[in-house]
N, C-alpha and C. Protein backbone atom coordinates (compact mmCIF):
# COMPACT_ATOMS: atom_id res chain seq x y z
N MET A 1 96.01 112.16 256.34
CA MET A 1 97.33 111.80 255.82
C MET A 1 97.91 112.97 255.02
N ASN A 2 99.15 113.32 255.31
CA ASN A 2 99.79 114.44 254.64
C ASN A 2 100.53 113.94 253.41
N ASP A 3 100.07 114.42 252.22
CA ASP A 3 100.69 113.98 250.98
C ASP A 3 101.85 114.87 250.56
N GLN A 4 102.12 115.94 251.33
CA GLN A 4 103.20 116.84 250.98
C GLN A 4 104.55 116.17 251.23
N PRO A 5 105.48 116.30 250.29
CA PRO A 5 106.80 115.70 250.50
C PRO A 5 107.53 116.40 251.66
N TYR A 6 108.37 115.66 252.31
CA TYR A 6 109.12 116.20 253.44
C TYR A 6 110.06 117.32 252.98
N ASP A 7 110.05 118.43 253.69
CA ASP A 7 110.93 119.55 253.39
C ASP A 7 111.60 119.98 254.69
N PRO A 8 112.92 119.80 254.82
CA PRO A 8 113.60 120.16 256.07
C PRO A 8 113.57 121.65 256.37
N PHE A 9 113.21 122.48 255.36
CA PHE A 9 113.15 123.92 255.58
C PHE A 9 111.72 124.40 255.84
N ALA A 10 110.81 123.50 256.12
CA ALA A 10 109.40 123.86 256.26
C ALA A 10 109.18 124.91 257.34
N ASN A 11 110.00 124.91 258.40
CA ASN A 11 109.81 125.84 259.50
C ASN A 11 110.87 126.93 259.54
N VAL A 12 111.55 127.14 258.43
CA VAL A 12 112.63 128.14 258.40
C VAL A 12 112.15 129.38 257.66
N ASP A 13 112.25 130.53 258.34
CA ASP A 13 111.94 131.82 257.74
C ASP A 13 113.24 132.59 257.57
N LEU A 14 113.65 132.84 256.34
CA LEU A 14 114.93 133.50 256.09
C LEU A 14 114.98 134.90 256.69
N ASP A 15 113.82 135.53 256.88
CA ASP A 15 113.81 136.87 257.48
C ASP A 15 114.30 136.83 258.93
N ALA A 16 114.21 135.66 259.56
CA ALA A 16 114.63 135.54 260.95
C ALA A 16 116.08 135.08 261.08
N VAL A 17 116.73 134.81 259.95
CA VAL A 17 118.12 134.36 259.99
C VAL A 17 119.04 135.57 259.95
N PRO A 18 119.91 135.74 260.96
CA PRO A 18 120.81 136.90 260.96
C PRO A 18 121.82 136.82 259.83
N GLU A 19 122.20 137.98 259.34
CA GLU A 19 123.20 138.03 258.29
C GLU A 19 124.57 137.68 258.86
N GLY A 20 125.34 136.93 258.08
CA GLY A 20 126.68 136.55 258.51
C GLY A 20 127.72 137.51 257.97
N ASP A 21 128.87 137.49 258.61
CA ASP A 21 129.99 138.31 258.17
C ASP A 21 130.93 137.45 257.35
N ASN A 22 130.90 137.62 256.04
CA ASN A 22 131.73 136.81 255.16
C ASN A 22 133.06 137.46 254.84
N ASN A 23 133.33 138.60 255.46
CA ASN A 23 134.56 139.32 255.18
C ASN A 23 135.63 138.95 256.22
N PHE A 24 136.50 138.01 255.86
CA PHE A 24 137.58 137.62 256.75
C PHE A 24 138.77 138.53 256.52
N ASP A 25 139.25 139.13 257.61
CA ASP A 25 140.46 139.93 257.49
C ASP A 25 141.63 139.01 257.18
N LEU A 26 142.61 139.54 256.48
CA LEU A 26 143.80 138.76 256.19
C LEU A 26 144.55 138.46 257.49
N ILE A 27 145.17 137.31 257.52
CA ILE A 27 146.00 136.96 258.67
C ILE A 27 147.24 137.85 258.64
N PRO A 28 147.58 138.51 259.75
CA PRO A 28 148.74 139.40 259.76
C PRO A 28 150.03 138.64 259.45
N ASN A 29 150.97 139.33 258.82
CA ASN A 29 152.27 138.73 258.55
C ASN A 29 152.91 138.25 259.85
N GLY A 30 153.52 137.08 259.81
CA GLY A 30 154.17 136.54 261.00
C GLY A 30 154.34 135.04 260.87
N GLU A 31 154.80 134.43 261.96
CA GLU A 31 155.03 132.99 261.98
C GLU A 31 153.96 132.31 262.83
N TYR A 32 153.42 131.20 262.30
CA TYR A 32 152.32 130.51 262.95
C TYR A 32 152.55 129.00 262.87
N GLY A 33 152.04 128.29 263.90
CA GLY A 33 151.97 126.85 263.80
C GLY A 33 150.90 126.49 262.78
N ILE A 34 151.16 125.45 261.98
CA ILE A 34 150.24 125.14 260.88
C ILE A 34 150.41 123.68 260.49
N ARG A 35 149.40 123.10 259.90
CA ARG A 35 149.48 121.73 259.39
C ARG A 35 148.53 121.59 258.21
N ALA A 36 148.84 120.68 257.32
CA ALA A 36 147.95 120.39 256.19
C ALA A 36 146.84 119.46 256.65
N VAL A 37 145.63 119.72 256.21
CA VAL A 37 144.50 118.88 256.60
C VAL A 37 143.86 118.17 255.42
N ASP A 38 144.22 118.57 254.20
CA ASP A 38 143.62 117.91 253.04
C ASP A 38 144.44 118.25 251.80
N MET A 39 144.40 117.39 250.81
CA MET A 39 145.09 117.65 249.55
C MET A 39 144.34 116.99 248.41
N GLU A 40 144.56 117.51 247.21
CA GLU A 40 143.88 116.99 246.03
C GLU A 40 144.71 117.32 244.80
N LEU A 41 144.77 116.40 243.86
CA LEU A 41 145.43 116.66 242.59
C LEU A 41 144.41 117.27 241.64
N LYS A 42 144.70 118.47 241.14
CA LYS A 42 143.77 119.17 240.28
C LYS A 42 144.39 119.43 238.91
N THR A 43 143.52 119.50 237.92
CA THR A 43 143.93 119.87 236.56
C THR A 43 143.49 121.29 236.30
N SER A 44 144.38 122.08 235.73
CA SER A 44 144.06 123.49 235.48
C SER A 44 142.94 123.59 234.45
N ALA A 45 142.16 124.65 234.56
CA ALA A 45 141.00 124.82 233.68
C ALA A 45 141.39 125.27 232.29
N ASN A 46 142.57 125.89 232.18
CA ASN A 46 142.98 126.45 230.89
C ASN A 46 144.16 125.68 230.31
N GLN A 47 144.20 125.60 229.00
CA GLN A 47 145.31 124.97 228.31
C GLN A 47 146.50 125.92 228.23
N GLY A 48 147.69 125.35 228.31
CA GLY A 48 148.89 126.16 228.18
C GLY A 48 149.18 126.48 226.73
N GLN A 49 150.30 127.14 226.51
CA GLN A 49 150.63 127.60 225.16
C GLN A 49 150.89 126.44 224.20
N HIS A 50 151.20 125.26 224.75
CA HIS A 50 151.43 124.09 223.90
C HIS A 50 150.21 123.17 223.86
N GLY A 51 149.07 123.66 224.36
CA GLY A 51 147.84 122.89 224.30
C GLY A 51 147.70 121.87 225.40
N ASN A 52 148.58 121.90 226.40
CA ASN A 52 148.51 120.92 227.50
C ASN A 52 147.83 121.53 228.72
N TYR A 53 147.15 120.69 229.45
CA TYR A 53 146.55 121.11 230.71
C TYR A 53 147.55 120.87 231.84
N GLY A 54 147.71 121.88 232.69
CA GLY A 54 148.62 121.74 233.81
C GLY A 54 148.00 120.96 234.95
N GLN A 55 148.82 120.54 235.89
CA GLN A 55 148.35 119.85 237.09
C GLN A 55 149.00 120.49 238.31
N MET A 56 148.26 120.49 239.40
CA MET A 56 148.75 121.07 240.65
C MET A 56 148.28 120.24 241.84
N VAL A 57 149.07 120.24 242.89
CA VAL A 57 148.67 119.63 244.14
C VAL A 57 148.05 120.75 244.99
N ALA A 58 146.75 120.68 245.19
CA ALA A 58 146.03 121.69 245.96
C ALA A 58 145.94 121.24 247.41
N VAL A 59 146.52 122.02 248.32
CA VAL A 59 146.60 121.64 249.73
C VAL A 59 145.89 122.69 250.59
N ARG A 60 145.13 122.20 251.55
CA ARG A 60 144.45 123.08 252.51
C ARG A 60 145.20 123.01 253.83
N PHE A 61 145.76 124.14 254.24
CA PHE A 61 146.51 124.23 255.50
C PHE A 61 145.66 124.92 256.56
N GLU A 62 145.79 124.46 257.81
CA GLU A 62 145.04 125.04 258.92
C GLU A 62 146.00 125.54 260.00
N LEU A 63 145.83 126.80 260.41
CA LEU A 63 146.67 127.35 261.47
C LEU A 63 146.33 126.73 262.81
N THR A 64 147.36 126.50 263.63
CA THR A 64 147.15 125.92 264.96
C THR A 64 147.49 126.89 266.08
N GLY A 65 148.07 128.04 265.77
CA GLY A 65 148.38 129.03 266.80
C GLY A 65 149.65 129.78 266.47
N PRO A 66 150.07 130.69 267.33
CA PRO A 66 149.48 131.03 268.64
C PRO A 66 148.20 131.83 268.56
N THR A 67 147.92 132.44 267.40
CA THR A 67 146.65 133.13 267.18
C THR A 67 146.06 132.64 265.86
N HIS A 68 144.82 133.02 265.62
CA HIS A 68 144.13 132.69 264.37
C HIS A 68 144.02 131.18 264.13
N ALA A 69 143.97 130.41 265.21
CA ALA A 69 143.82 128.96 265.08
C ALA A 69 142.53 128.63 264.33
N GLY A 70 142.62 127.70 263.40
CA GLY A 70 141.46 127.29 262.63
C GLY A 70 141.34 128.00 261.29
N ARG A 71 142.05 129.11 261.13
CA ARG A 71 142.01 129.79 259.84
C ARG A 71 142.73 128.96 258.79
N LEU A 72 142.30 129.07 257.55
CA LEU A 72 142.81 128.23 256.48
C LEU A 72 143.63 129.04 255.47
N ILE A 73 144.64 128.40 254.93
CA ILE A 73 145.42 128.95 253.82
C ILE A 73 145.47 127.87 252.74
N PHE A 74 145.16 128.25 251.51
CA PHE A 74 145.13 127.31 250.40
C PHE A 74 146.35 127.54 249.51
N VAL A 75 147.06 126.47 249.21
CA VAL A 75 148.27 126.55 248.40
C VAL A 75 148.16 125.57 247.24
N ASN A 76 148.45 126.05 246.04
CA ASN A 76 148.52 125.19 244.86
C ASN A 76 149.97 125.04 244.44
N PHE A 77 150.47 123.80 244.47
CA PHE A 77 151.83 123.51 244.05
C PHE A 77 151.80 123.03 242.60
N ASN A 78 152.32 123.84 241.68
CA ASN A 78 152.35 123.44 240.28
C ASN A 78 153.36 122.32 240.08
N ILE A 79 152.94 121.24 239.45
CA ILE A 79 153.85 120.12 239.18
C ILE A 79 153.91 119.78 237.70
N VAL A 80 152.90 120.19 236.92
CA VAL A 80 152.91 120.04 235.46
C VAL A 80 152.41 121.35 234.89
N ASN A 81 153.27 122.00 234.09
CA ASN A 81 152.91 123.30 233.55
C ASN A 81 153.83 123.63 232.38
N ASP A 82 153.28 124.32 231.38
CA ASP A 82 154.12 124.75 230.27
C ASP A 82 155.19 125.74 230.73
N ASN A 83 154.90 126.43 231.82
CA ASN A 83 155.85 127.38 232.38
C ASN A 83 156.80 126.64 233.31
N SER A 84 158.02 126.44 232.87
CA SER A 84 158.98 125.67 233.67
C SER A 84 159.31 126.35 234.99
N THR A 85 159.24 127.68 235.02
CA THR A 85 159.50 128.41 236.27
C THR A 85 158.44 128.10 237.31
N ALA A 86 157.18 128.00 236.88
CA ALA A 86 156.09 127.67 237.80
C ALA A 86 156.29 126.29 238.40
N VAL A 87 156.74 125.34 237.57
CA VAL A 87 156.99 123.99 238.07
C VAL A 87 158.16 123.99 239.04
N GLU A 88 159.21 124.73 238.72
CA GLU A 88 160.37 124.80 239.59
C GLU A 88 160.00 125.36 240.97
N ILE A 89 159.18 126.41 240.96
CA ILE A 89 158.73 126.99 242.24
C ILE A 89 157.86 126.00 242.99
N GLY A 90 156.94 125.33 242.29
CA GLY A 90 156.06 124.37 242.96
C GLY A 90 156.82 123.23 243.61
N LEU A 91 157.79 122.67 242.89
CA LEU A 91 158.57 121.56 243.44
C LEU A 91 159.46 122.02 244.58
N ARG A 92 160.01 123.21 244.45
CA ARG A 92 160.86 123.73 245.52
C ARG A 92 160.07 123.95 246.80
N GLU A 93 158.84 124.46 246.68
CA GLU A 93 158.01 124.67 247.86
C GLU A 93 157.55 123.34 248.45
N LEU A 94 157.24 122.37 247.60
CA LEU A 94 156.88 121.04 248.10
C LEU A 94 158.03 120.44 248.90
N ARG A 95 159.21 120.58 248.39
CA ARG A 95 160.39 120.04 249.08
C ARG A 95 160.61 120.75 250.42
N SER A 96 160.39 122.07 250.44
CA SER A 96 160.54 122.82 251.69
C SER A 96 159.51 122.37 252.73
N TRP A 97 158.29 122.09 252.27
CA TRP A 97 157.24 121.60 253.19
C TRP A 97 157.64 120.24 253.75
N MET A 98 158.09 119.34 252.89
CA MET A 98 158.49 118.01 253.34
C MET A 98 159.63 118.10 254.36
N GLN A 99 160.59 118.97 254.09
CA GLN A 99 161.71 119.12 255.01
C GLN A 99 161.25 119.69 256.35
N ALA A 100 160.29 120.62 256.32
CA ALA A 100 159.81 121.25 257.55
C ALA A 100 159.11 120.26 258.47
N VAL A 101 158.49 119.21 257.90
CA VAL A 101 157.78 118.23 258.73
C VAL A 101 158.64 117.00 259.00
N GLY A 102 159.93 117.06 258.64
CA GLY A 102 160.85 115.98 258.98
C GLY A 102 160.89 114.83 258.02
N LYS A 103 160.41 115.04 256.80
CA LYS A 103 160.44 113.98 255.80
C LYS A 103 161.73 114.05 254.99
N ALA A 104 162.13 112.90 254.43
CA ALA A 104 163.31 112.86 253.58
C ALA A 104 163.05 113.68 252.31
N THR A 105 164.10 114.34 251.82
CA THR A 105 163.93 115.21 250.66
C THR A 105 164.86 114.80 249.51
N SER A 106 165.11 113.50 249.41
CA SER A 106 165.91 113.00 248.29
C SER A 106 165.22 111.77 247.71
N GLY A 107 165.66 111.38 246.52
CA GLY A 107 165.08 110.20 245.89
C GLY A 107 163.88 110.52 245.03
N GLN A 108 163.21 109.46 244.58
CA GLN A 108 162.07 109.58 243.67
C GLN A 108 160.88 110.21 244.37
N MET A 109 160.32 111.25 243.76
CA MET A 109 159.14 111.90 244.30
C MET A 109 157.89 111.13 243.93
N SER A 110 156.85 111.21 244.76
CA SER A 110 155.58 110.54 244.48
C SER A 110 154.47 111.25 245.23
N MET A 111 153.24 111.04 244.79
CA MET A 111 152.08 111.60 245.50
C MET A 111 151.95 111.01 246.89
N GLU A 112 152.34 109.75 247.03
CA GLU A 112 152.27 109.10 248.35
C GLU A 112 153.15 109.83 249.36
N ARG A 113 154.32 110.28 248.92
CA ARG A 113 155.23 110.98 249.83
C ARG A 113 154.64 112.33 250.25
N VAL A 114 153.93 112.98 249.35
CA VAL A 114 153.27 114.24 249.71
C VAL A 114 152.14 113.95 250.70
N TYR A 115 151.38 112.89 250.45
CA TYR A 115 150.25 112.54 251.31
C TYR A 115 150.70 112.26 252.74
N GLU A 116 151.91 111.74 252.91
CA GLU A 116 152.42 111.43 254.24
C GLU A 116 152.67 112.69 255.08
N CYS A 117 152.68 113.85 254.45
CA CYS A 117 152.90 115.11 255.18
C CYS A 117 151.61 115.64 255.81
N ILE A 118 150.47 115.09 255.42
CA ILE A 118 149.20 115.57 255.95
C ILE A 118 149.15 115.35 257.46
N GLY A 119 148.76 116.39 258.21
CA GLY A 119 148.59 116.28 259.65
C GLY A 119 149.83 116.58 260.46
N LEU A 120 150.99 116.71 259.83
CA LEU A 120 152.23 116.97 260.55
C LEU A 120 152.43 118.48 260.70
N GLU A 121 152.66 118.93 261.93
CA GLU A 121 152.74 120.36 262.19
C GLU A 121 154.12 120.92 261.90
N PHE A 122 154.13 122.16 261.42
CA PHE A 122 155.37 122.89 261.19
C PHE A 122 155.10 124.36 261.43
N VAL A 123 156.07 125.20 261.15
CA VAL A 123 155.90 126.64 261.32
C VAL A 123 155.91 127.29 259.94
N ALA A 124 154.94 128.15 259.69
CA ALA A 124 154.85 128.86 258.42
C ALA A 124 155.05 130.34 258.65
N ARG A 125 155.88 130.93 257.81
CA ARG A 125 155.94 132.40 257.78
C ARG A 125 154.88 132.85 256.80
N VAL A 126 153.83 133.45 257.34
CA VAL A 126 152.67 133.84 256.54
C VAL A 126 152.84 135.26 256.02
N GLY A 127 152.56 135.43 254.75
CA GLY A 127 152.59 136.74 254.13
C GLY A 127 151.32 136.99 253.34
N VAL A 128 151.34 138.03 252.52
CA VAL A 128 150.17 138.40 251.73
C VAL A 128 150.56 138.43 250.26
N SER A 129 149.75 137.77 249.45
CA SER A 129 149.93 137.78 247.99
C SER A 129 148.98 138.81 247.41
N LYS A 130 149.52 139.86 246.82
CA LYS A 130 148.70 140.92 246.25
C LYS A 130 148.06 140.45 244.94
N SER A 131 146.77 140.67 244.82
CA SER A 131 146.05 140.27 243.62
C SER A 131 146.33 141.25 242.49
N LYS A 132 146.61 140.69 241.31
CA LYS A 132 146.83 141.52 240.13
C LYS A 132 145.52 141.79 239.39
N ASN A 133 144.47 141.12 239.84
CA ASN A 133 143.16 141.28 239.21
C ASN A 133 142.23 141.99 240.20
N PRO A 134 141.71 143.17 239.86
CA PRO A 134 140.85 143.90 240.80
C PRO A 134 139.58 143.16 241.18
N ALA A 135 139.24 142.13 240.42
CA ALA A 135 138.04 141.36 240.73
C ALA A 135 138.26 140.40 241.89
N TYR A 136 139.53 140.17 242.27
CA TYR A 136 139.85 139.24 243.35
C TYR A 136 140.56 139.95 244.49
N ASP A 137 140.34 139.46 245.70
CA ASP A 137 140.96 140.04 246.88
C ASP A 137 142.38 139.52 247.04
N ASP A 138 143.17 140.26 247.83
CA ASP A 138 144.48 139.75 248.22
C ASP A 138 144.30 138.49 249.05
N GLN A 139 145.30 137.61 249.03
CA GLN A 139 145.21 136.35 249.76
C GLN A 139 146.47 136.12 250.59
N ASN A 140 146.28 135.37 251.66
CA ASN A 140 147.44 134.96 252.44
C ASN A 140 148.22 133.88 251.70
N LYS A 141 149.50 133.83 251.94
CA LYS A 141 150.36 132.82 251.34
C LYS A 141 151.36 132.34 252.38
N ILE A 142 151.94 131.17 252.13
CA ILE A 142 153.02 130.67 252.97
C ILE A 142 154.33 131.09 252.29
N ALA A 143 155.04 132.01 252.95
CA ALA A 143 156.27 132.53 252.37
C ALA A 143 157.48 131.66 252.72
N LYS A 144 157.39 130.92 253.83
CA LYS A 144 158.51 130.07 254.21
C LYS A 144 158.01 128.92 255.08
N TYR A 145 158.61 127.76 254.89
CA TYR A 145 158.27 126.55 255.65
C TYR A 145 159.43 126.26 256.60
N LYS A 146 159.13 126.14 257.91
CA LYS A 146 160.17 125.93 258.91
C LYS A 146 159.77 124.81 259.85
N PRO A 147 160.73 124.03 260.38
CA PRO A 147 160.39 122.99 261.37
C PRO A 147 159.78 123.61 262.61
N HIS A 148 158.88 122.88 263.24
CA HIS A 148 158.26 123.35 264.47
C HIS A 148 159.30 123.29 265.59
N PRO A 149 159.48 124.36 266.38
CA PRO A 149 160.53 124.38 267.40
C PRO A 149 160.32 123.37 268.52
N MET A 150 159.09 122.94 268.76
CA MET A 150 158.81 122.00 269.84
C MET A 150 158.80 120.55 269.36
N THR A 151 159.20 120.34 268.15
CA THR A 151 159.18 118.99 267.59
C THR A 151 160.59 118.54 267.26
N ALA A 152 161.01 117.41 267.82
CA ALA A 152 162.33 116.86 267.52
C ALA A 152 162.19 115.79 266.46
N GLN A 153 162.99 115.90 265.44
CA GLN A 153 162.90 114.91 264.37
C GLN A 153 163.43 113.57 264.85
N ALA A 154 162.67 112.52 264.61
CA ALA A 154 163.06 111.18 265.02
C ALA A 154 163.55 110.34 263.85
N GLY A 155 163.58 110.94 262.67
CA GLY A 155 164.05 110.18 261.51
C GLY A 155 163.20 110.46 260.30
N ALA A 156 163.62 109.95 259.20
CA ALA A 156 162.92 110.22 257.96
C ALA A 156 161.59 109.50 257.86
N ASN A 157 161.26 108.65 258.85
CA ASN A 157 159.98 107.94 258.82
C ASN A 157 158.83 108.81 259.30
N GLY A 158 159.14 110.06 259.67
CA GLY A 158 158.06 110.95 260.05
C GLY A 158 157.69 110.91 261.50
N GLN A 159 158.26 110.04 262.31
CA GLN A 159 157.96 110.01 263.73
C GLN A 159 158.63 111.18 264.41
N VAL A 160 157.91 111.79 265.35
CA VAL A 160 158.47 112.92 266.07
C VAL A 160 158.24 112.72 267.56
N SER A 161 159.10 113.34 268.36
CA SER A 161 158.91 113.31 269.80
C SER A 161 158.85 114.73 270.31
N THR A 162 157.92 115.00 271.20
CA THR A 162 157.74 116.33 271.73
C THR A 162 158.28 116.39 273.14
N PRO A 163 159.17 117.34 273.46
CA PRO A 163 159.71 117.43 274.81
C PRO A 163 158.62 117.66 275.83
N THR A 164 158.82 117.09 277.03
CA THR A 164 157.86 117.31 278.10
C THR A 164 158.04 118.71 278.64
N ASN A 165 156.99 119.25 279.25
CA ASN A 165 157.07 120.58 279.82
C ASN A 165 158.01 120.59 281.01
N SER A 166 158.76 121.67 281.16
CA SER A 166 159.66 121.76 282.31
C SER A 166 158.85 121.97 283.58
N VAL A 167 159.39 121.53 284.71
CA VAL A 167 158.71 121.66 286.00
C VAL A 167 158.93 123.06 286.52
N PRO A 168 157.87 123.83 286.89
CA PRO A 168 158.07 125.19 287.39
C PRO A 168 158.79 125.16 288.72
N PRO A 169 159.59 126.20 289.01
CA PRO A 169 160.31 126.23 290.27
C PRO A 169 159.38 126.31 291.46
N ALA A 170 159.79 125.70 292.55
CA ALA A 170 158.97 125.73 293.77
C ALA A 170 159.04 127.12 294.38
N THR A 171 157.97 127.51 295.09
CA THR A 171 157.93 128.82 295.74
C THR A 171 158.04 128.62 297.22
N GLY A 172 159.05 129.28 297.87
CA GLY A 172 159.21 129.17 299.31
C GLY A 172 159.92 127.90 299.71
N GLY A 173 160.55 127.87 300.90
CA GLY A 173 161.23 126.68 301.40
C GLY A 173 162.52 126.46 300.65
N ALA A 174 163.05 125.25 300.81
CA ALA A 174 164.32 124.91 300.16
C ALA A 174 164.11 124.80 298.66
N PRO A 175 165.12 125.21 297.91
CA PRO A 175 164.98 125.11 296.46
C PRO A 175 164.80 123.67 296.01
N ALA A 176 163.93 123.49 295.06
CA ALA A 176 163.64 122.14 294.58
C ALA A 176 164.77 121.66 293.69
N ALA A 177 165.05 120.36 293.78
CA ALA A 177 166.08 119.78 292.91
C ALA A 177 165.60 119.81 291.48
N PRO A 178 166.52 120.10 290.57
CA PRO A 178 166.09 120.14 289.17
C PRO A 178 165.51 118.81 288.72
N ALA A 179 164.40 118.90 288.03
CA ALA A 179 163.71 117.68 287.59
C ALA A 179 164.33 117.20 286.29
N THR A 180 164.44 115.91 286.17
CA THR A 180 164.95 115.31 284.94
C THR A 180 163.77 114.85 284.11
N PRO A 181 163.52 115.51 283.00
CA PRO A 181 162.34 115.12 282.21
C PRO A 181 162.48 113.70 281.69
N ALA A 182 161.38 112.98 281.74
CA ALA A 182 161.38 111.62 281.21
C ALA A 182 161.44 111.67 279.70
N PRO A 183 162.19 110.75 279.11
CA PRO A 183 162.25 110.76 277.64
C PRO A 183 160.88 110.51 277.03
N ALA A 184 160.57 111.30 276.04
CA ALA A 184 159.26 111.15 275.39
C ALA A 184 159.32 110.04 274.37
N ALA A 185 158.32 109.19 274.40
CA ALA A 185 158.26 108.11 273.42
C ALA A 185 157.88 108.67 272.07
N PRO A 186 158.49 108.16 271.01
CA PRO A 186 158.12 108.65 269.68
C PRO A 186 156.64 108.44 269.41
N VAL A 187 156.03 109.46 268.90
CA VAL A 187 154.61 109.36 268.57
C VAL A 187 154.43 109.88 267.16
N THR A 188 153.37 109.47 266.54
CA THR A 188 153.04 109.95 265.21
C THR A 188 151.91 110.95 265.33
N PRO A 189 152.10 112.20 264.85
CA PRO A 189 151.04 113.19 264.97
C PRO A 189 149.75 112.70 264.33
N ALA A 190 148.65 113.17 264.92
CA ALA A 190 147.34 112.74 264.41
C ALA A 190 147.17 113.18 262.98
N GLN A 191 146.64 112.30 262.18
CA GLN A 191 146.39 112.61 260.78
C GLN A 191 144.95 112.28 260.46
N THR A 192 144.51 112.81 259.35
CA THR A 192 143.18 112.44 258.89
C THR A 192 143.20 110.97 258.51
N ALA A 193 142.05 110.33 258.68
CA ALA A 193 141.98 108.90 258.40
C ALA A 193 142.35 108.61 256.97
N ALA A 194 143.17 107.62 256.77
CA ALA A 194 143.61 107.28 255.42
C ALA A 194 142.46 106.65 254.65
N PRO A 195 142.21 107.12 253.43
CA PRO A 195 141.13 106.52 252.63
C PRO A 195 141.47 105.11 252.21
N ALA A 196 140.46 104.42 251.77
CA ALA A 196 140.65 103.04 251.34
C ALA A 196 141.54 103.00 250.12
N PRO A 197 142.23 101.88 249.91
CA PRO A 197 143.10 101.76 248.72
C PRO A 197 142.35 102.10 247.45
N GLY A 198 143.03 102.83 246.56
CA GLY A 198 142.40 103.23 245.31
C GLY A 198 141.56 104.47 245.42
N ALA A 199 141.53 105.09 246.63
CA ALA A 199 140.71 106.28 246.81
C ALA A 199 141.51 107.40 247.46
N ARG A 200 142.79 107.50 247.10
CA ARG A 200 143.61 108.57 247.62
C ARG A 200 143.05 109.92 247.17
N PRO A 201 143.37 111.01 247.93
CA PRO A 201 142.81 112.31 247.55
C PRO A 201 143.14 112.73 246.12
N TRP A 202 144.32 112.36 245.60
CA TRP A 202 144.68 112.76 244.25
C TRP A 202 144.01 111.90 243.18
N GLU A 203 143.22 110.90 243.63
CA GLU A 203 142.51 110.05 242.68
C GLU A 203 141.02 110.37 242.64
N ARG A 204 140.66 111.49 243.27
CA ARG A 204 139.23 111.85 243.27
C ARG A 204 138.79 112.25 241.87
N ASN A 205 137.52 111.99 241.63
CA ASN A 205 136.95 112.39 240.34
C ASN A 205 136.74 113.89 240.32
């Protein structure tokens, strides 16, 4: 009988594990398809000049193409901060994101309205944010939020319809009659599964 506790690494020799490349090149400046895949309400680690802790909506965005699909960009939207300019920028960018995914941009703001943007694709103009601290690397940023060109807004409820692909012209013989694309039924883009009530991402411990 073996009295040794189970160890899942019992047969792993680190000398045989190849070294990984942790140096990700920055995503080149340009426009990319992108969508948010996760969000969380965070409290800043440092107190402001008035002794208050700031709050930000931390969102993880994932590129969908045409290149660098799967790469991530992290954005913190300041919503509570002693610096009023930081809050103004954060709210303005949040509003631009909501508008880019076809959401209404008027009325009372709420975390629920931000959460409804998760999973909806838009176009981001990606740039580079230069680090002012030599201890940190430069990072990619979203410089502009734009509606996805292949997505038609179906209303402020977030439903979108995607045009069907055009029929390629026939080769040889009589010219083919132009095809009339069938109207696309409104669909809701895939989103991450909604957590149970009382467990929204901004309510995490």
